[in-house]
C-alpha cells in the first residue's frame, strides 16, 4: 500500500503531464506504468477521471475539432489517428455516429480542397486513386470531382 503523501506526489507528476497537453487514459498508462506502482496509478487515474482531468469522450471532440480546423483528412484517417492514441473503438464510433452529418460534410470539403490542390498536377484518375488510398468514401470522391453519383 502507499501513503497519502506518495499519492499526492505521483498525482502531481501525472497532472503536470496532462496539463502540458491533454492526454488519453492509454497515453497516461503507457507513460507511467513503469514508474508508478500499478494500484497507485489505477487510483490516480480514477481520481483524475472523477475530476474530469481525464475524459476520453471530450478528448475525441477536441481532437476532431482540431483536425477539422487544421487538416484535410478522411473520416477513416481521423478514426485511425484517434485509435492510435489508444482510444476505445466504441467511443470513437459513437462520436462519429453522433456527428455523422458534420463528419461527412467535413470529409467532402477536405476532398474538394485536395482536388483543387492536385488538379493542375494530376489526372482525374490519379486524384481519385489518391483519395481512395486516403480512405475517402466513394460518394465524397465523386462529389469532389464533380462526377455523377
C-alpha atoms as a PDB file:
ATOM      1  CA  UNK A   1       0.000   0.000   0.000  1.00  0.00           C
ATOM      2  CA  UNK A   2       1.022   3.623  -0.277  1.00  0.00           C
ATOM      3  CA  UNK A   3       0.567   6.757   1.801  1.00  0.00           C
ATOM      4  CA  UNK A   4      -1.310   9.943   1.049  1.00  0.00           C
ATOM      5  CA  UNK A   5       1.982  11.802   0.507  1.00  0.00           C
ATOM      6  CA  UNK A   6       3.061   9.285  -2.140  1.00  0.00           C
ATOM      7  CA  UNK A   7      -0.369   9.524  -3.795  1.00  0.00           C
ATOM      8  CA  UNK A   8      -0.186  13.337  -3.923  1.00  0.00           C
ATOM      9  CA  UNK A   9       3.399  13.325  -5.185  1.00  0.00           C
ATOM     10  CA  UNK A  10       2.653  10.891  -8.022  1.00  0.00           C
ATOM     11  CA  UNK A  11      -0.701  12.522  -8.834  1.00  0.00           C
ATOM     12  CA  UNK A  12       1.087  15.877  -9.219  1.00  0.00           C
ATOM     13  CA  UNK A  13       3.523  14.255 -11.644  1.00  0.00           C
ATOM     14  CA  UNK A  14       0.647  12.835 -13.734  1.00  0.00           C
ATOM     15  CA  UNK A  15      -1.258  16.130 -13.589  1.00  0.00           C
ATOM     16  CA  UNK A  16       1.739  18.052 -14.922  1.00  0.00           C
ATOM     17  CA  UNK A  17       1.879  15.599 -17.828  1.00  0.00           C
ATOM     18  CA  UNK A  18      -1.849  16.087 -18.554  1.00  0.00           C
ATOM     19  CA  UNK A  19      -1.874  19.866 -18.154  1.00  0.00           C
ATOM     20  CA  UNK A  20       1.052  20.285 -20.550  1.00  0.00           C
ATOM     21  CA  UNK A  21      -1.049  18.629 -23.251  1.00  0.00           C
ATOM     22  CA  UNK A  22      -4.381  16.833 -22.966  1.00  0.00           C
ATOM     23  CA  UNK A  23      -3.831  13.077 -22.924  1.00  0.00           C
ATOM     24  CA  UNK A  24      -5.861   9.918 -23.232  1.00  0.00           C
ATOM     25  CA  UNK A  25      -6.090   7.394 -20.429  1.00  0.00           C
ATOM     26  CA  UNK A  26      -3.995   4.994 -22.510  1.00  0.00           C
ATOM     27  CA  UNK A  27      -1.232   7.592 -23.017  1.00  0.00           C
ATOM     28  CA  UNK A  28      -1.091   8.152 -19.255  1.00  0.00           C
ATOM     29  CA  UNK A  29      -0.927   4.431 -18.571  1.00  0.00           C
ATOM     30  CA  UNK A  30       1.875   3.986 -21.119  1.00  0.00           C
ATOM     31  CA  UNK A  31       3.875   6.895 -19.735  1.00  0.00           C
ATOM     32  CA  UNK A  32       3.673   5.963 -16.052  1.00  0.00           C
ATOM     33  CA  UNK A  33       3.220   2.173 -15.987  1.00  0.00           C
ATOM     34  CA  UNK A  34       6.934   1.613 -15.287  1.00  0.00           C
ATOM     35  CA  UNK A  35       7.479   4.462 -12.833  1.00  0.00           C
ATOM     36  CA  UNK A  36       4.327   4.327 -10.678  1.00  0.00           C
ATOM     37  CA  UNK A  37       3.125   1.277  -8.784  1.00  0.00           C
ATOM     38  CA  UNK A  38       0.152  -0.319 -10.582  1.00  0.00           C
ATOM     39  CA  UNK A  39      -2.519   0.058  -7.859  1.00  0.00           C
ATOM     40  CA  UNK A  40      -1.382   3.629  -7.136  1.00  0.00           C
ATOM     41  CA  UNK A  41      -1.560   4.529 -10.836  1.00  0.00           C
ATOM     42  CA  UNK A  42      -5.042   2.976 -11.008  1.00  0.00           C
ATOM     43  CA  UNK A  43      -6.239   5.101  -8.071  1.00  0.00           C
ATOM     44  CA  UNK A  44      -4.677   8.263  -9.547  1.00  0.00           C
ATOM     45  CA  UNK A  45      -6.350   7.638 -12.915  1.00  0.00           C
ATOM     46  CA  UNK A  46      -9.724   7.031 -11.252  1.00  0.00           C
ATOM     47  CA  UNK A  47      -9.348  10.228  -9.217  1.00  0.00           C
ATOM     48  CA  UNK A  48      -8.421  12.246 -12.317  1.00  0.00           C
ATOM     49  CA  UNK A  49     -11.340  10.770 -14.273  1.00  0.00           C
ATOM     50  CA  UNK A  50     -13.777  11.700 -11.481  1.00  0.00           C
ATOM     51  CA  UNK A  51     -12.430  15.258 -11.579  1.00  0.00           C
ATOM     52  CA  UNK A  52     -12.624  15.357 -15.415  1.00  0.00           C
ATOM     53  CA  UNK A  53      -8.881  15.768 -15.959  1.00  0.00           C
ATOM     54  CA  UNK A  54      -9.074  12.556 -17.968  1.00  0.00           C
ATOM     55  CA  UNK A  55     -12.125  12.355 -20.221  1.00  0.00           C
ATOM     56  CA  UNK A  56     -11.650  10.384 -23.424  1.00  0.00           C
ATOM     57  CA  UNK A  57     -15.011  11.494 -24.865  1.00  0.00           C
ATOM     58  CA  UNK A  58     -14.201  15.186 -24.580  1.00  0.00           C
ATOM     59  CA  UNK A  59     -10.672  14.402 -25.809  1.00  0.00           C
ATOM     60  CA  UNK A  60     -12.182  12.950 -29.004  1.00  0.00           C
ATOM     61  CA  UNK A  61     -14.384  16.006 -29.527  1.00  0.00           C
ATOM     62  CA  UNK A  62     -11.494  18.461 -29.037  1.00  0.00           C
ATOM     63  CA  UNK A  63      -9.144  16.445 -31.225  1.00  0.00           C
ATOM     64  CA  UNK A  64     -11.661  16.057 -34.065  1.00  0.00           C
ATOM     65  CA  UNK A  65     -12.424  19.802 -33.912  1.00  0.00           C
ATOM     66  CA  UNK A  66      -8.679  20.451 -34.154  1.00  0.00           C
ATOM     67  CA  UNK A  67      -8.334  18.116 -37.161  1.00  0.00           C
ATOM     68  CA  UNK A  68     -11.290  19.773 -38.862  1.00  0.00           C
ATOM     69  CA  UNK A  69      -9.753  23.213 -38.427  1.00  0.00           C
ATOM     70  CA  UNK A  70      -6.215  22.297 -39.458  1.00  0.00           C
ATOM     71  CA  UNK A  71      -6.199  19.299 -41.784  1.00  0.00           C
ATOM     72  CA  UNK A  72      -7.755  17.655 -44.789  1.00  0.00           C
ATOM     73  CA  UNK A  73      -8.486  14.129 -43.639  1.00  0.00           C
ATOM     74  CA  UNK A  74     -10.983  11.419 -44.437  1.00  0.00           C
ATOM     75  CA  UNK A  75     -13.231  10.070 -41.688  1.00  0.00           C
ATOM     76  CA  UNK A  76     -11.200   6.861 -41.891  1.00  0.00           C
ATOM     77  CA  UNK A  77      -7.952   8.776 -41.262  1.00  0.00           C
ATOM     78  CA  UNK A  78      -9.480  10.569 -38.286  1.00  0.00           C
ATOM     79  CA  UNK A  79     -10.621   7.245 -36.821  1.00  0.00           C
ATOM     80  CA  UNK A  80      -7.145   5.794 -37.294  1.00  0.00           C
ATOM     81  CA  UNK A  81      -5.465   8.795 -35.623  1.00  0.00           C
ATOM     82  CA  UNK A  82      -7.827   8.579 -32.651  1.00  0.00           C
ATOM     83  CA  UNK A  83      -7.382   4.823 -32.405  1.00  0.00           C
ATOM     84  CA  UNK A  84      -3.586   5.252 -32.413  1.00  0.00           C
ATOM     85  CA  UNK A  85      -3.966   7.473 -29.318  1.00  0.00           C
ATOM     86  CA  UNK A  86      -5.295   4.418 -27.502  1.00  0.00           C
ATOM     87  CA  UNK A  87      -8.918   5.472 -27.523  1.00  0.00           C
ATOM     88  CA  UNK A  88     -11.613   2.832 -27.317  1.00  0.00           C
ATOM     89  CA  UNK A  89     -13.053   1.902 -30.718  1.00  0.00           C
ATOM     90  CA  UNK A  90     -16.653   2.045 -29.430  1.00  0.00           C
ATOM     91  CA  UNK A  91     -16.136   5.580 -28.073  1.00  0.00           C
ATOM     92  CA  UNK A  92     -14.699   6.670 -31.431  1.00  0.00           C
ATOM     93  CA  UNK A  93     -17.534   5.035 -33.395  1.00  0.00           C
ATOM     94  CA  UNK A  94     -20.138   6.596 -31.089  1.00  0.00           C
ATOM     95  CA  UNK A  95     -18.679  10.048 -31.665  1.00  0.00           C
ATOM     96  CA  UNK A  96     -18.597   9.564 -35.454  1.00  0.00           C
ATOM     97  CA  UNK A  97     -22.160   8.181 -35.480  1.00  0.00           C
ATOM     98  CA  UNK A  98     -23.496  11.037 -33.317  1.00  0.00           C
ATOM     99  CA  UNK A  99     -21.787  13.636 -35.538  1.00  0.00           C
ATOM    100  CA  UNK A 100     -22.126  11.860 -38.874  1.00  0.00           C
ATOM    101  CA  UNK A 101     -23.582  14.764 -40.835  1.00  0.00           C
ATOM    102  CA  UNK A 102     -20.816  17.127 -39.688  1.00  0.00           C
ATOM    103  CA  UNK A 103     -18.133  14.493 -40.345  1.00  0.00           C
ATOM    104  CA  UNK A 104     -19.414  13.688 -43.857  1.00  0.00           C
ATOM    105  CA  UNK A 105     -19.628  17.396 -44.681  1.00  0.00           C
ATOM    106  CA  UNK A 106     -16.053  17.854 -43.471  1.00  0.00           C
ATOM    107  CA  UNK A 107     -14.841  14.854 -45.494  1.00  0.00           C
ATOM    108  CA  UNK A 108     -16.459  16.234 -48.661  1.00  0.00           C
ATOM    109  CA  UNK A 109     -14.887  19.676 -48.099  1.00  0.00           C
ATOM    110  CA  UNK A 110     -11.500  18.022 -47.481  1.00  0.00           C
ATOM    111  CA  UNK A 111     -11.806  16.022 -50.695  1.00  0.00           C
ATOM    112  CA  UNK A 112     -12.711  19.194 -52.619  1.00  0.00           C
ATOM    113  CA  UNK A 113      -9.653  21.010 -51.210  1.00  0.00           C
ATOM    114  CA  UNK A 114      -7.404  18.131 -52.249  1.00  0.00           C
ATOM    115  CA  UNK A 115      -8.932  18.064 -55.755  1.00  0.00           C
ATOM    116  CA  UNK A 116      -8.348  21.813 -56.139  1.00  0.00           C
ATOM    117  CA  UNK A 117      -4.774  21.469 -54.977  1.00  0.00           C
ATOM    118  CA  UNK A 118      -3.954  18.433 -57.121  1.00  0.00           C
ATOM    119  CA  UNK A 119      -5.909  19.093 -60.332  1.00  0.00           C
ATOM    120  CA  UNK A 120      -3.100  21.020 -62.006  1.00  0.00           C
ATOM    121  CA  UNK A 121      -0.586  18.306 -61.070  1.00  0.00           C
ATOM    122  CA  UNK A 122      -2.505  15.066 -61.597  1.00  0.00           C
ATOM    123  CA  UNK A 123      -5.035  13.454 -63.898  1.00  0.00           C
ATOM    124  CA  UNK A 124      -8.563  12.864 -62.595  1.00  0.00           C
ATOM    125  CA  UNK A 125      -7.944   9.105 -62.232  1.00  0.00           C
ATOM    126  CA  UNK A 126      -4.767   9.756 -60.222  1.00  0.00           C
ATOM    127  CA  UNK A 127      -6.621  12.111 -57.887  1.00  0.00           C
ATOM    128  CA  UNK A 128      -9.391   9.527 -57.489  1.00  0.00           C
ATOM    129  CA  UNK A 129      -6.794   6.849 -56.620  1.00  0.00           C
ATOM    130  CA  UNK A 130      -5.082   9.240 -54.178  1.00  0.00           C
ATOM    131  CA  UNK A 131      -8.346   9.979 -52.368  1.00  0.00           C
ATOM    132  CA  UNK A 132      -9.170   6.259 -52.345  1.00  0.00           C
ATOM    133  CA  UNK A 133      -5.831   5.476 -50.667  1.00  0.00           C
ATOM    134  CA  UNK A 134      -6.527   8.140 -48.058  1.00  0.00           C
ATOM    135  CA  UNK A 135      -9.789   6.377 -47.184  1.00  0.00           C
ATOM    136  CA  UNK A 136     -12.320   8.812 -48.593  1.00  0.00           C
ATOM    137  CA  UNK A 137     -15.816   7.430 -49.221  1.00  0.00           C
ATOM    138  CA  UNK A 138     -16.801   6.947 -52.864  1.00  0.00           C
ATOM    139  CA  UNK A 139     -19.622   9.485 -52.531  1.00  0.00           C
ATOM    140  CA  UNK A 140     -17.174  12.138 -51.293  1.00  0.00           C
ATOM    141  CA  UNK A 141     -14.712  11.390 -54.096  1.00  0.00           C
ATOM    142  CA  UNK A 142     -17.382  11.544 -56.805  1.00  0.00           C
ATOM    143  CA  UNK A 143     -18.906  14.740 -55.432  1.00  0.00           C
ATOM    144  CA  UNK A 144     -15.488  16.402 -55.077  1.00  0.00           C
ATOM    145  CA  UNK A 145     -14.567  15.513 -58.647  1.00  0.00           C
ATOM    146  CA  UNK A 146     -17.960  16.648 -59.931  1.00  0.00           C
ATOM    147  CA  UNK A 147     -18.862  13.165 -61.160  1.00  0.00           C
ATOM    148  CA  UNK A 148     -22.423  11.946 -61.290  1.00  0.00           C
ATOM    149  CA  UNK A 149     -23.329   9.849 -58.257  1.00  0.00           C
END
